[in-house]
C-alpha atoms as a PDB file:
ATOM      1  CA  MET A   1       0.566   0.243  -0.263  1.00  0.00           C
ATOM      2  CA  THR A   2       0.883   3.655  -0.986  1.00  0.00           C
ATOM      3  CA  THR A   3       1.446   6.134   2.288  1.00  0.00           C
ATOM      4  CA  TRP A   4      -1.501   7.643   0.788  1.00  0.00           C
ATOM      5  CA  GLN A   5      -3.767   4.311   1.518  1.00  0.00           C
ATOM      6  CA  TRP A   6      -2.775   3.707   4.498  1.00  0.00           C
ATOM      7  CA  VAL A   7      -4.570   7.485   5.949  1.00  0.00           C
ATOM      8  CA  LYS A   8      -7.137   7.264   3.940  1.00  0.00           C
ATOM      9  CA  LEU A   9      -7.486   3.500   5.249  1.00  0.00           C
ATOM     10  CA  VAL A  10      -6.207   5.388   9.349  1.00  0.00           C
ATOM     11  CA  GLY A  11      -8.788   7.882   8.769  1.00  0.00           C
ATOM     12  CA  ASN A  12     -11.929   6.306   7.502  1.00  0.00           C
ATOM     13  CA  PHE A  13     -11.426   4.059  10.658  1.00  0.00           C
ATOM     14  CA  LEU A  14     -11.067   6.460  12.561  1.00  0.00           C
ATOM     15  CA  ASN A  15     -14.713   8.395  11.352  1.00  0.00           C
ATOM     16  CA  LEU A  16     -16.696   5.682  12.191  1.00  0.00           C
ATOM     17  CA  SER A  17     -17.351   5.128   7.807  1.00  0.00           C
ATOM     18  CA  THR A  18     -15.031   1.625   7.517  1.00  0.00           C
ATOM     19  CA  PRO A  19     -16.549   0.663  11.536  1.00  0.00           C
ATOM     20  CA  ALA A  20     -20.044   1.368   9.660  1.00  0.00           C
ATOM     21  CA  GLY A  21     -19.117  -0.688   6.866  1.00  0.00           C
ATOM     22  CA  ALA A  22     -18.474  -3.674   8.759  1.00  0.00           C
ATOM     23  CA  PHE A  23     -21.360  -3.192  10.825  1.00  0.00           C
ATOM     24  CA  VAL A  24     -23.612  -3.405   7.288  1.00  0.00           C
ATOM     25  CA  GLY A  25     -21.504  -6.486   6.312  1.00  0.00           C
ATOM     26  CA  VAL A  26     -22.286  -8.288   9.686  1.00  0.00           C
ATOM     27  CA  LEU A  27     -25.677  -7.135   9.591  1.00  0.00           C
ATOM     28  CA  GLY A  28     -26.449  -8.069   5.293  1.00  0.00           C
ATOM     29  CA  ARG A  29     -24.598 -11.731   7.208  1.00  0.00           C
ATOM     30  CA  ALA A  30     -21.546 -10.762   4.856  1.00  0.00           C
ATOM     31  CA  THR A  31     -18.152 -13.604   4.031  1.00  0.00           C
ATOM     32  CA  PHE A  32     -15.404 -10.650   4.494  1.00  0.00           C
ATOM     33  CA  THR A  33     -11.604 -10.863   3.401  1.00  0.00           C
ATOM     34  CA  ARG A  34      -8.768  -8.211   2.905  1.00  0.00           C
ATOM     35  CA  GLY A  35      -8.398  -7.198  -0.351  1.00  0.00           C
ATOM     36  CA  PRO A  36      -5.834  -3.850  -2.643  1.00  0.00           C
ATOM     37  CA  ARG A  37      -5.001  -0.717  -1.720  1.00  0.00           C
ATOM     38  CA  GLY A  38      -6.626  -1.069   2.215  1.00  0.00           C
ATOM     39  CA  LEU A  39      -9.746  -2.226   0.961  1.00  0.00           C
ATOM     40  CA  TYR A  40     -11.929  -5.331   2.591  1.00  0.00           C
ATOM     41  CA  PHE A  41     -14.121  -7.000   0.909  1.00  0.00           C
ATOM     42  CA  ALA A  42     -17.278  -8.727   2.098  1.00  0.00           C
ATOM     43  CA  ASN A  43     -19.430 -11.109  -0.235  1.00  0.00           C
ATOM     44  CA  GLY A  44     -22.309 -12.526  -0.280  1.00  0.00           C
ATOM     45  CA  TYR A  45     -24.846  -9.855   1.061  1.00  0.00           C
ATOM     46  CA  LYS A  46     -27.842 -10.722   1.887  1.00  0.00           C
ATOM     47  CA  LEU A  47     -30.197  -7.827   2.370  1.00  0.00           C
ATOM     48  CA  GLY A  48     -31.913  -6.305  -0.387  1.00  0.00           C
ATOM     49  CA  PHE A  49     -30.763  -3.057  -0.287  1.00  0.00           C
ATOM     50  CA  PRO A  50     -29.268  -1.441  -1.857  1.00  0.00           C
ATOM     51  CA  VAL A  51     -30.355  -2.686  -4.941  1.00  0.00           C
ATOM     52  CA  ALA A  52     -26.800  -2.510  -7.331  1.00  0.00           C
ATOM     53  CA  GLY A  53     -23.606  -5.319  -7.814  1.00  0.00           C
ATOM     54  CA  ALA A  54     -21.382  -3.480  -4.798  1.00  0.00           C
ATOM     55  CA  PHE A  55     -21.577  -0.952  -2.944  1.00  0.00           C
ATOM     56  CA  THR A  56     -19.198   1.723  -0.139  1.00  0.00           C
ATOM     57  CA  ILE A  57     -18.691   2.586   3.358  1.00  0.00           C
ATOM     58  CA  GLY A  58     -14.982   3.418   3.954  1.00  0.00           C
ATOM     59  CA  ASN A  59     -12.792   1.605   2.986  1.00  0.00           C
ATOM     60  CA  VAL A  60     -15.643  -1.621   2.391  1.00  0.00           C
ATOM     61  CA  ILE A  61     -16.818  -2.935  -0.156  1.00  0.00           C
ATOM     62  CA  LEU A  62     -20.305  -5.137  -0.585  1.00  0.00           C
ATOM     63  CA  SER A  63     -21.136  -7.399  -2.596  1.00  0.00           C
ATOM     64  CA  LYS A  64     -24.325 -10.082  -3.623  1.00  0.00           C
ATOM     65  CA  ASN A  65     -21.913 -11.370  -5.117  1.00  0.00           C
ATOM     66  CA  ASP A  66     -18.561 -13.894  -4.812  1.00  0.00           C
ATOM     67  CA  ARG A  67     -15.050 -12.474  -4.757  1.00  0.00           C
ATOM     68  CA  SER A  68     -14.475 -12.780  -8.013  1.00  0.00           C
ATOM     69  CA  TYR A  69     -16.592  -9.987  -8.666  1.00  0.00           C
ATOM     70  CA  PHE A  70     -13.627  -8.079  -7.857  1.00  0.00           C
ATOM     71  CA  ASP A  71     -11.821  -9.055 -10.276  1.00  0.00           C
ATOM     72  CA  ASP A  72     -12.496  -6.910 -13.132  1.00  0.00           C
ATOM     73  CA  PRO A  73      -9.781  -4.011 -12.024  1.00  0.00           C
ATOM     74  CA  ALA A  74     -12.158  -0.759 -13.728  1.00  0.00           C
ATOM     75  CA  LEU A  75     -14.918  -2.004 -10.753  1.00  0.00           C
ATOM     76  CA  LEU A  76     -12.074  -2.420  -7.893  1.00  0.00           C
ATOM     77  CA  ARG A  77     -11.160   1.718  -9.335  1.00  0.00           C
ATOM     78  CA  HIS A  78     -14.733   2.705  -9.391  1.00  0.00           C
ATOM     79  CA  GLU A  79     -15.763   1.653  -5.568  1.00  0.00           C
ATOM     80  CA  GLU A  80     -12.139   3.000  -4.332  1.00  0.00           C
ATOM     81  CA  ARG A  81     -12.882   5.932  -5.850  1.00  0.00           C
ATOM     82  CA  HIS A  82     -16.139   5.945  -3.125  1.00  0.00           C
ATOM     83  CA  SER A  83     -13.637   5.170  -0.446  1.00  0.00           C
ATOM     84  CA  TRP A  84     -11.466   7.884  -0.945  1.00  0.00           C
ATOM     85  CA  GLN A  85     -15.304  10.174  -0.600  1.00  0.00           C
ATOM     86  CA  TYR A  86     -15.441   8.969   2.576  1.00  0.00           C
ATOM     87  CA  PHE A  87     -12.527   9.682   3.001  1.00  0.00           C
ATOM     88  CA  CYS A  88     -12.605  14.004   1.501  1.00  0.00           C
ATOM     89  CA  LEU A  89     -15.841  14.125   3.282  1.00  0.00           C
ATOM     90  CA  ILE A  90     -14.928  12.861   6.685  1.00  0.00           C
ATOM     91  CA  GLY A  91     -16.909   9.365   6.916  1.00  0.00           C
ATOM     92  CA  LEU A  92     -20.592   9.029   6.609  1.00  0.00           C
ATOM     93  CA  PRO A  93     -21.714  12.939   6.125  1.00  0.00           C
ATOM     94  CA  MET A  94     -20.873  11.028   2.833  1.00  0.00           C
ATOM     95  CA  LEU A  95     -24.207   8.859   3.071  1.00  0.00           C
ATOM     96  CA  PRO A  96     -26.952  11.800   2.853  1.00  0.00           C
ATOM     97  CA  LEU A  97     -24.983  13.730   0.493  1.00  0.00           C
ATOM     98  CA  TYR A  98     -24.837  10.691  -1.563  1.00  0.00           C
ATOM     99  CA  VAL A  99     -28.959   9.797  -1.559  1.00  0.00           C
ATOM    100  CA  VAL A 100     -29.250  13.819  -2.541  1.00  0.00           C
ATOM    101  CA  GLY A 101     -27.349  12.660  -5.634  1.00  0.00           C
ATOM    102  CA  VAL A 102     -29.251  10.777  -6.223  1.00  0.00           C
ATOM    103  CA  VAL A 103     -32.220  12.103  -5.950  1.00  0.00           C
ATOM    104  CA  ILE A 104     -31.142  14.699  -8.713  1.00  0.00           C
ATOM    105  CA  SER A 105     -29.722  12.342 -10.796  1.00  0.00           C
ATOM    106  CA  PHE A 106     -32.713  10.622 -11.656  1.00  0.00           C
ATOM    107  CA  LEU A 107     -35.231  13.677 -11.418  1.00  0.00           C
ATOM    108  CA  LEU A 108     -32.099  14.228 -13.816  1.00  0.00           C
ATOM    109  CA  THR A 109     -32.420  11.902 -16.546  1.00  0.00           C
ATOM    110  CA  GLY A 110     -34.335   8.916 -14.844  1.00  0.00           C
ATOM    111  CA  ASP A 111     -31.843   6.820 -13.609  1.00  0.00           C
ATOM    112  CA  PRO A 112     -29.737   7.451 -10.192  1.00  0.00           C
ATOM    113  CA  ALA A 113     -26.083   7.098 -11.612  1.00  0.00           C
ATOM    114  CA  SER A 114     -25.760   9.698 -14.670  1.00  0.00           C
ATOM    115  CA  ARG A 115     -26.030  12.568 -12.384  1.00  0.00           C
ATOM    116  CA  ASN A 116     -24.861  11.678  -9.115  1.00  0.00           C
ATOM    117  CA  PRO A 117     -21.431  13.757  -9.392  1.00  0.00           C
ATOM    118  CA  PHE A 118     -20.330  10.817  -6.632  1.00  0.00           C
ATOM    119  CA  GLU A 119     -20.547   7.702  -9.091  1.00  0.00           C
ATOM    120  CA  ARG A 120     -19.424  10.630 -11.804  1.00  0.00           C
ATOM    121  CA  MET A 121     -16.210  11.722 -10.104  1.00  0.00           C
ATOM    122  CA  ALA A 122     -15.695   7.339  -9.368  1.00  0.00           C
ATOM    123  CA  ASN A 123     -15.891   7.108 -13.505  1.00  0.00           C
ATOM    124  CA  LEU A 124     -19.680   5.266 -14.349  1.00  0.00           C
ATOM    125  CA  LYS A 125     -18.021   3.562 -16.919  1.00  0.00           C
ATOM    126  CA  ASP A 126     -15.370   2.134 -14.840  1.00  0.00           C
ATOM    127  CA  GLY A 127     -19.349   1.438 -12.770  1.00  0.00           C
ATOM    128  CA  GLY A 128     -20.658  -0.459 -15.187  1.00  0.00           C
ATOM    129  CA  TYR A 129     -23.888   1.980 -15.619  1.00  0.00           C
ATOM    130  CA  VAL A 130     -24.435   4.290 -18.929  1.00  0.00           C
ATOM    131  CA  GLU A 131     -24.262   7.782 -18.688  1.00  0.00           C
ATOM    132  CA  ARG A 132     -28.331   8.895 -19.772  1.00  0.00           C
ATOM    133  CA  PRO A 133     -28.733  11.920 -21.256  1.00  0.00           C
ATOM    134  CA  ILE A 134     -30.626  14.406 -19.252  1.00  0.00           C
ATOM    135  CA  GLN A 135     -34.921  14.877 -20.264  1.00  0.00           C
ATOM    136  CA  PRO A 136     -37.771  16.972 -19.436  1.00  0.00           C
ATOM    137  CA  LEU A 137     -38.906  16.861 -15.257  1.00  0.00           C
ATOM    138  CA  GLY A 138     -42.370  14.777 -17.293  1.00  0.00           C
ATOM    139  CA  LYS A 139     -40.630  11.547 -18.406  1.00  0.00           C
ATOM    140  CA  THR A 140     -38.979  11.037 -15.518  1.00  0.00           C
ATOM    141  CA  VAL A 141     -42.389  11.309 -14.410  1.00  0.00           C
ATOM    142  CA  THR A 142     -44.482   9.332 -17.104  1.00  0.00           C
ATOM    143  CA  GLN A 143     -41.130   6.531 -16.458  1.00  0.00           C
ATOM    144  CA  ALA A 144     -41.739   6.571 -12.970  1.00  0.00           C
ATOM    145  CA  PHE A 145     -45.161   5.724 -12.341  1.00  0.00           C
ATOM    146  CA  SER A 146     -45.594   3.538 -15.664  1.00  0.00           C
ATOM    147  CA  VAL A 147     -42.776   1.369 -14.096  1.00  0.00           C
ATOM    148  CA  LEU A 148     -45.144   1.211 -10.802  1.00  0.00           C
ATOM    149  CA  ARG A 149     -48.520   0.216 -12.708  1.00  0.00           C
ATOM    150  CA  SER A 150     -46.333  -1.953 -14.037  1.00  0.00           C
ATOM    151  CA  ARG A 151     -44.713  -4.633 -11.296  1.00  0.00           C
ATOM    152  CA  PRO A 152     -47.539  -7.546 -10.200  1.00  0.00           C
ATOM    153  CA  LYS A 153     -49.985  -7.160  -7.639  1.00  0.00           C
ATOM    154  CA  GLY A 154     -50.726  -9.302  -4.964  1.00  0.00           C
ATOM    155  CA  PRO A 155     -49.164 -10.933  -2.364  1.00  0.00           C
END
């Protein structure tokens, strides 16, 4: 690890984001392993939220998939960038700010990632996202309601 990666590892522990990530991983019954560059993998995450292939809290990258999911160097770079965002935002304030980014992105494009500044700074393509164009708000609202109407009803 580089000196800066050590600084981030210690900083994200002290700002409580990495312990929070570990706590979420335990709640989700994930299996923990050490990753490169001061990261930890929590694979086999079993909770249904958030809906994502992977998500990062502090230096912990959580995923429903097995460890081989992180063999993709671009995805690993993307998630590591999120760990730097936790460091730069002094930890857990990242979470509500990220949610604001999701809402703004969704309102502008109908997609939670395309205009989310945190996903853009982590590189959309590396994270497996497709950049969607800005669209009129009416189209976004229509899309949202059509998705809700198309969901199956019943027990």
